[in-house]
Amino acid sequence: MTLRQRVVVIGGGMAGARIAQQLDTGVDLTVVGEERHAPYNRVLLAEVLGGQYAPEVIALPTRPAVRWMHGVRAVRIDREERRVVCDEGSVLPYDVLVLATGASPVLPPLRGLFAAGAGELPDGVRAFRTMDDCLALRDEARPDVGAVVVGGGLLGVSAARALARRGVQVVLAHQGERLMERQLDAGAAALLRRHLEELGVEVHTECRVRGLRTQPNGRSNAGAVRSVELADGYRLDAGLVVIACGVRPRVGLARAAGLEISRGVVVDDRLRTSDPHIYAVGDCAEHEGVLYGLAGPAQEQADTAARVLTAALAGARATGAPAVPGYRGTRALTRLTLGAPPLGGATDHGAAGRWRSDPPPPLDLAAFGEPTPREDDDVVQLADATRGIYRKVVVRGDRLVGGILLGDLRTVGTLARAWEGDEALPSEPLLHLLTHAPDGGQ
C-alpha cells in the first residue's frame, strides 16, 4: 500500500498544467491529456499562427516528478473504486481526482460541415482551439488560398488577424450586429472593425453562414472545402475555413460519473464537486453559476485548488493550521493585441484592400465588467477615431464597474488593478486616468 497520496488530473491544458506546477511535491501526481503536445499557453496560439512565435516559445513549465500521459483520453470515472479508465487500457487509481477537461469548440449546424458517413471535417475546415489546429492552419495558410473565418468574437478576431499577418486574403463573417459584442459597445466595435479592415480583413456583420460546399479530393471521405454559402445565397470562394463560434465546457465524463452538472461541473468555494474526492477547475468548472472560459480565472482556480489540496493531503486541519482561503470568483479582464505587418515586410497591397505604405500601428484592447451603464452610473468616454483611441469607463459610486479601452494601453495598469481588486478609485479626477497616457489622450 502506497504512503503517498495519489492525485490524478484529467486535462493537460493550462489549468491542468498549473495544478501540476503548484501542487505539493509529496504526492503521486499523474496528468492525463488528450493532446500529444506538452502543455502550452493557449492564449498565444494566434501569435504562433501569425508567425510571431515558434510553438516551443509558448510551452509551459513542467516538473519532472509529474507523470505526464500525452495523447491519452480518459473514458470513464469509476467513483466507487476511485479509478480512471483510459482509452489505451490503463487504469489509474486515485485518492483525489481533478477535472481540468476544458472546453470544446462549438461547431454550428452548417450544411456540408459533416458529410453523410464522414465523421470528420472536410479538408481545409478547422476549429481554432488546439496546437494541432494552429499548426494545421499555419501549414495551409498561403496568399493564394482565400480564407473565411466564421465568428467575430475574441477567437475569430484573433484568427482573422493572424491569417492576415501571413498574407492570406481573409473574410470575417459574423452573425451579430458588431464584432466582439460580448465585450465591446458599438463605438469600440466600429474602431476594431476599421483596424481589421486596414490589415486587409474583409468584415461582414449581420452575416449568417448557411453551409459549406465541398468537392472530392481522394484523401478524405468528407472531401475538401471550396466555398462558403451565406444565408442570402451568395458564395465566398474559400480553400480554408476557420470555425470560431465559441466553446462549450467539456462535461461528458463528469455527467457520466453522476456529478452535479448545470452548464458546467458545479463546484463550491474550495473547487470541490458534488463528490468530495473530485475537484474541477478551468473552463469546465461552474462556480456560483459562472462559467468564465478565460485563462485568468482558470489560473486562479488552479492555484486555489492546489493550496486546498496541499493542505488537505497534509492533514492541515488535524495540526491546527489556519484554513486555506477558498475561491471567491475572478474579476476577469480581457486583453487582446492586434496589428502587425504581414510576414515579409511592408508592401503595397492597395488592390487587395490592405494598407498602401506604412502598416497600421498595433491596437491594444482591454474590456472588463459592465460596459453598459445603469441609469445612475457615471460614464467617462474619450474617442479619437483618427488616432485609433477609444476609452470608456463606467463608475458606480467610488467603484469602477466596467470599461472598454482601445489604443495604447501602457497605462491600463491603474484601471486594471482598481477593477480586479474591487478597490475604491483614486481621488484624482477620473478623466485624468484616461488622459494620462503617452499620447496624452488627445
Foldseek 3Di string as FASTA:
>chain_A
DDPAAEEEEEAQELLQQLLQVQFDLRHQYEYEHQAQDHYFDQVCLLCCLLPNDPRVVRHDDHDPSYHYHYNKHFDAADPVQQWTAIPVGDIGHGQFYEYAPAWAFDDDPAPLQADVPFPHGAPQEAERGDNVRSVSSSVVQDQVFAEEEEAQAPVSLSNLQSSLLQNHQYEYEHLAPFGNVVFDDPVLRVLSVVQSLQSLYHYDYNKAWRHFDADADPPGPSHFTQWTATPVGDIGGGRHYYYHHDIFADCVRVVVNPWDADSAQEAEQQQATPDNRYGYAAQRYAYPNDRDSDSVRRSVNSNSNSVQVNCVSVVVVVVVHDHRGGHDDFFDKDKDKGWDHHPPDDDAPVVSSYNGGDTDDIKIKIWTADQDEDPPWDKDWADDSVQSWTKMWIDDDQATGIIITMDDCPLVVLVVCRRRVVHGHDPPDPVCSCQVDPVSSD
